[in-house]
Structures are given as C-alpha cells and as structure tokens.
Amino acid sequence: MSDLKAKFDEAVHFIQTAEGDFKPSNEMKLEFYALYKQATEGDVSGKRPGMMDFVGRAKYDAWAKLKGMSKDEAMQQYVDKLAALK
C-alpha cells in the first residue's frame, strides 16, 4: 500500500470516528464527502437527483465539481484538508 493511500485511510478513519472537539460544518462534511468519492470511485456517474432530494442533489453537485481530478490528487487534498483542521 502506498504512503498516500495509508495516510488517506487514516484520515478517513479519523473523520468517521471523530468525537469531541472536532465538529466540521455541513459544508466541510460535503467537501470531505466529494473528495472521498472522487478518490475512491473517480468521476461522478449516474443521474443527478431530483429537486426534492436536497441532500442527494448537494452531494452529487459537490462531487461533480471535482470531475477530472485524479484519485491520487483527491486523496492528497482530503489528507491536507484534515491536517489544516487539526
């Protein structure tokens, strides 16, 4: 496993299990979600959720903004964004 992948997995685990003082805003959660999806699946696929699916639509749009970003770049940004918050 590459060093970047190990750092990414550690950062993902921290975000998923964070408690206490770490309280990211909804906007920050959306950014982490989009970077995670881009890093693990690549470019967004499928249809954009309908107007009444506010959460699904926000997630889709955030992920779609990262179209074309490499998986490694998304992993690095995820790790860097978390490091800036700690």
N, C-alpha and C. Protein backbone atom coordinates (compact mmCIF):
# COMPACT_ATOMS: atom_id res chain seq x y z
N MET A 1 0.85 -1.18 0.00
CA MET A 1 0.00 0.00 0.00
C MET A 1 0.90 1.25 0.00
N SER A 2 0.53 2.21 -0.83
CA SER A 2 1.34 3.43 -0.92
C SER A 2 1.19 4.26 0.35
N ASP A 3 2.15 5.14 0.54
CA ASP A 3 2.13 6.02 1.71
C ASP A 3 0.91 6.94 1.67
N LEU A 4 0.59 7.45 0.47
CA LEU A 4 -0.58 8.32 0.32
C LEU A 4 -1.86 7.58 0.68
N LYS A 5 -1.99 6.35 0.20
CA LYS A 5 -3.19 5.55 0.48
C LYS A 5 -3.31 5.28 1.99
N ALA A 6 -2.19 5.03 2.64
CA ALA A 6 -2.21 4.80 4.09
C ALA A 6 -2.64 6.07 4.83
N LYS A 7 -2.11 7.21 4.43
CA LYS A 7 -2.49 8.49 5.06
C LYS A 7 -3.97 8.78 4.81
N PHE A 8 -4.43 8.50 3.60
CA PHE A 8 -5.83 8.72 3.25
C PHE A 8 -6.74 7.84 4.10
N ASP A 9 -6.40 6.55 4.21
CA ASP A 9 -7.21 5.64 5.02
C ASP A 9 -7.26 6.08 6.48
N GLU A 10 -6.14 6.56 6.99
CA GLU A 10 -6.07 7.06 8.37
C GLU A 10 -6.96 8.30 8.53
N ALA A 11 -6.92 9.20 7.55
CA ALA A 11 -7.74 10.42 7.60
C ALA A 11 -9.22 10.07 7.53
N VAL A 12 -9.58 9.14 6.67
CA VAL A 12 -10.98 8.70 6.55
C VAL A 12 -11.45 8.11 7.87
N HIS A 13 -10.63 7.28 8.48
CA HIS A 13 -10.99 6.68 9.76
C HIS A 13 -11.19 7.76 10.82
N PHE A 14 -10.32 8.76 10.83
CA PHE A 14 -10.45 9.84 11.81
C PHE A 14 -11.78 10.58 11.62
N ILE A 15 -12.10 10.91 10.38
CA ILE A 15 -13.34 11.64 10.09
C ILE A 15 -14.55 10.81 10.51
N GLN A 16 -14.53 9.53 10.21
CA GLN A 16 -15.68 8.67 10.51
C GLN A 16 -15.87 8.43 12.00
N THR A 17 -14.80 8.50 12.78
CA THR A 17 -14.89 8.18 14.21
C THR A 17 -14.65 9.38 15.12
N ALA A 18 -14.50 10.57 14.54
CA ALA A 18 -14.17 11.76 15.31
C ALA A 18 -15.25 12.08 16.34
N GLU A 19 -14.79 12.45 17.50
CA GLU A 19 -15.68 12.86 18.58
C GLU A 19 -15.07 14.08 19.26
N GLY A 20 -15.79 14.64 20.18
CA GLY A 20 -15.24 15.73 20.99
C GLY A 20 -15.18 17.05 20.26
N ASP A 21 -14.00 17.65 20.22
CA ASP A 21 -13.83 19.00 19.71
C ASP A 21 -13.97 19.10 18.19
N PHE A 22 -13.82 18.01 17.48
CA PHE A 22 -13.87 18.05 16.01
C PHE A 22 -15.32 18.06 15.55
N LYS A 23 -15.81 19.21 15.14
CA LYS A 23 -17.18 19.38 14.68
C LYS A 23 -17.17 20.12 13.34
N PRO A 24 -16.98 19.39 12.24
CA PRO A 24 -16.97 20.07 10.94
C PRO A 24 -18.37 20.57 10.57
N SER A 25 -18.41 21.67 9.84
CA SER A 25 -19.68 22.23 9.37
C SER A 25 -20.26 21.31 8.29
N ASN A 26 -21.51 21.52 7.96
CA ASN A 26 -22.13 20.73 6.89
C ASN A 26 -21.40 20.94 5.57
N GLU A 27 -20.96 22.17 5.33
CA GLU A 27 -20.21 22.47 4.11
C GLU A 27 -18.89 21.68 4.08
N MET A 28 -18.23 21.61 5.21
CA MET A 28 -16.96 20.87 5.29
C MET A 28 -17.22 19.37 5.10
N LYS A 29 -18.30 18.86 5.69
CA LYS A 29 -18.65 17.45 5.50
C LYS A 29 -18.88 17.14 4.03
N LEU A 30 -19.53 18.07 3.34
CA LEU A 30 -19.80 17.90 1.92
C LEU A 30 -18.50 17.87 1.11
N GLU A 31 -17.55 18.72 1.48
CA GLU A 31 -16.26 18.73 0.80
C GLU A 31 -15.52 17.42 1.02
N PHE A 32 -15.52 16.93 2.25
CA PHE A 32 -14.88 15.65 2.54
C PHE A 32 -15.57 14.52 1.78
N TYR A 33 -16.90 14.55 1.73
CA TYR A 33 -17.65 13.53 1.00
C TYR A 33 -17.24 13.51 -0.46
N ALA A 34 -17.22 14.69 -1.10
CA ALA A 34 -16.89 14.77 -2.52
C ALA A 34 -15.47 14.28 -2.79
N LEU A 35 -14.53 14.68 -1.95
CA LEU A 35 -13.15 14.23 -2.13
C LEU A 35 -13.04 12.73 -1.93
N TYR A 36 -13.77 12.20 -0.95
CA TYR A 36 -13.74 10.75 -0.71
C TYR A 36 -14.27 10.00 -1.92
N LYS A 37 -15.41 10.43 -2.46
CA LYS A 37 -16.00 9.76 -3.61
C LYS A 37 -15.08 9.85 -4.83
N GLN A 38 -14.46 11.01 -5.03
CA GLN A 38 -13.56 11.17 -6.17
C GLN A 38 -12.33 10.28 -6.00
N ALA A 39 -11.83 10.18 -4.78
CA ALA A 39 -10.64 9.37 -4.50
C ALA A 39 -10.92 7.87 -4.62
N THR A 40 -12.13 7.46 -4.28
CA THR A 40 -12.42 6.02 -4.28
C THR A 40 -13.13 5.53 -5.53
N GLU A 41 -13.89 6.40 -6.19
CA GLU A 41 -14.67 5.96 -7.35
C GLU A 41 -14.34 6.69 -8.65
N GLY A 42 -13.68 7.83 -8.56
CA GLY A 42 -13.41 8.61 -9.77
C GLY A 42 -14.55 9.58 -10.03
N ASP A 43 -14.69 9.97 -11.30
CA ASP A 43 -15.70 10.97 -11.67
C ASP A 43 -17.12 10.50 -11.36
N VAL A 44 -17.97 11.48 -11.05
CA VAL A 44 -19.37 11.22 -10.73
C VAL A 44 -20.05 10.52 -11.91
N SER A 45 -21.00 9.65 -11.57
CA SER A 45 -21.75 8.96 -12.61
C SER A 45 -23.20 8.89 -12.20
N GLY A 46 -24.05 8.54 -13.13
CA GLY A 46 -25.47 8.44 -12.82
C GLY A 46 -26.18 9.76 -13.01
N LYS A 47 -27.48 9.70 -12.82
CA LYS A 47 -28.30 10.89 -12.99
C LYS A 47 -28.26 11.75 -11.73
N ARG A 48 -28.39 13.05 -11.94
CA ARG A 48 -28.47 14.00 -10.83
C ARG A 48 -29.81 13.80 -10.12
N PRO A 49 -29.80 13.70 -8.80
CA PRO A 49 -31.06 13.52 -8.06
C PRO A 49 -32.04 14.65 -8.32
N GLY A 50 -33.31 14.36 -8.13
CA GLY A 50 -34.37 15.33 -8.37
C GLY A 50 -34.35 16.50 -7.40
N MET A 51 -35.16 17.51 -7.72
CA MET A 51 -35.19 18.75 -6.94
C MET A 51 -35.56 18.54 -5.48
N MET A 52 -36.37 17.56 -5.19
CA MET A 52 -36.83 17.38 -3.81
C MET A 52 -35.85 16.57 -2.96
N ASP A 53 -34.85 15.98 -3.59
CA ASP A 53 -33.81 15.25 -2.84
C ASP A 53 -32.66 16.21 -2.58
N PHE A 54 -32.85 17.09 -1.61
CA PHE A 54 -31.90 18.16 -1.35
C PHE A 54 -30.51 17.64 -0.98
N VAL A 55 -30.46 16.64 -0.11
CA VAL A 55 -29.18 16.10 0.33
C VAL A 55 -28.47 15.38 -0.81
N GLY A 56 -29.20 14.52 -1.50
CA GLY A 56 -28.62 13.78 -2.62
C GLY A 56 -28.12 14.71 -3.71
N ARG A 57 -28.87 15.75 -3.97
CA ARG A 57 -28.50 16.72 -5.00
C ARG A 57 -27.25 17.49 -4.59
N ALA A 58 -27.16 17.89 -3.33
CA ALA A 58 -25.99 18.61 -2.84
C ALA A 58 -24.75 17.74 -2.92
N LYS A 59 -24.89 16.47 -2.54
CA LYS A 59 -23.76 15.54 -2.62
C LYS A 59 -23.32 15.34 -4.06
N TYR A 60 -24.28 15.13 -4.95
CA TYR A 60 -23.97 14.93 -6.37
C TYR A 60 -23.24 16.14 -6.94
N ASP A 61 -23.77 17.33 -6.66
CA ASP A 61 -23.17 18.56 -7.19
C ASP A 61 -21.76 18.79 -6.66
N ALA A 62 -21.55 18.52 -5.38
CA ALA A 62 -20.21 18.69 -4.79
C ALA A 62 -19.22 17.73 -5.45
N TRP A 63 -19.64 16.51 -5.67
CA TRP A 63 -18.78 15.51 -6.31
C TRP A 63 -18.53 15.88 -7.77
N ALA A 64 -19.57 16.36 -8.47
CA ALA A 64 -19.46 16.71 -9.89
C ALA A 64 -18.45 17.83 -10.11
N LYS A 65 -18.29 18.72 -9.13
CA LYS A 65 -17.32 19.83 -9.24
C LYS A 65 -15.88 19.32 -9.34
N LEU A 66 -15.65 18.10 -8.90
CA LEU A 66 -14.29 17.54 -8.90
C LEU A 66 -14.00 16.70 -10.14
N LYS A 67 -14.91 16.71 -11.10
CA LYS A 67 -14.75 15.90 -12.31
C LYS A 67 -13.40 16.19 -12.98
N GLY A 68 -12.69 15.12 -13.30
CA GLY A 68 -11.39 15.25 -13.95
C GLY A 68 -10.22 15.19 -12.99
N MET A 69 -10.48 15.34 -11.69
CA MET A 69 -9.41 15.26 -10.69
C MET A 69 -8.98 13.81 -10.54
N SER A 70 -7.68 13.57 -10.48
CA SER A 70 -7.19 12.21 -10.32
C SER A 70 -7.51 11.70 -8.92
N LYS A 71 -7.55 10.38 -8.79
CA LYS A 71 -7.82 9.77 -7.48
C LYS A 71 -6.73 10.14 -6.48
N ASP A 72 -5.48 10.14 -6.92
CA ASP A 72 -4.37 10.49 -6.02
C ASP A 72 -4.47 11.94 -5.56
N GLU A 73 -4.83 12.84 -6.48
CA GLU A 73 -4.96 14.25 -6.10
C GLU A 73 -6.09 14.43 -5.10
N ALA A 74 -7.20 13.72 -5.29
CA ALA A 74 -8.32 13.80 -4.35
C ALA A 74 -7.91 13.28 -2.98
N MET A 75 -7.16 12.17 -2.95
CA MET A 75 -6.67 11.63 -1.67
C MET A 75 -5.79 12.66 -0.97
N GLN A 76 -4.89 13.28 -1.72
CA GLN A 76 -3.97 14.25 -1.13
C GLN A 76 -4.73 15.45 -0.58
N GLN A 77 -5.70 15.94 -1.33
CA GLN A 77 -6.49 17.08 -0.85
C GLN A 77 -7.28 16.72 0.40
N TYR A 78 -7.79 15.51 0.47
CA TYR A 78 -8.54 15.05 1.64
C TYR A 78 -7.62 15.07 2.87
N VAL A 79 -6.42 14.51 2.71
CA VAL A 79 -5.45 14.45 3.80
C VAL A 79 -5.04 15.87 4.22
N ASP A 80 -4.76 16.73 3.23
CA ASP A 80 -4.33 18.10 3.51
C ASP A 80 -5.43 18.91 4.20
N LYS A 81 -6.68 18.74 3.75
CA LYS A 81 -7.79 19.47 4.35
C LYS A 81 -7.98 19.09 5.82
N LEU A 82 -7.85 17.81 6.11
CA LEU A 82 -7.96 17.37 7.51
C LEU A 82 -6.79 17.90 8.33
N ALA A 83 -5.59 17.85 7.79
CA ALA A 83 -4.41 18.34 8.52
C ALA A 83 -4.55 19.83 8.86
N ALA A 84 -5.17 20.60 7.96
CA ALA A 84 -5.36 22.03 8.20
C ALA A 84 -6.36 22.27 9.33
N LEU A 85 -7.27 21.34 9.56
CA LEU A 85 -8.29 21.49 10.60
C LEU A 85 -7.81 21.06 11.98
N LYS A 86 -6.81 20.19 12.03
CA LYS A 86 -6.34 19.66 13.31
C LYS A 86 -5.55 20.68 14.08
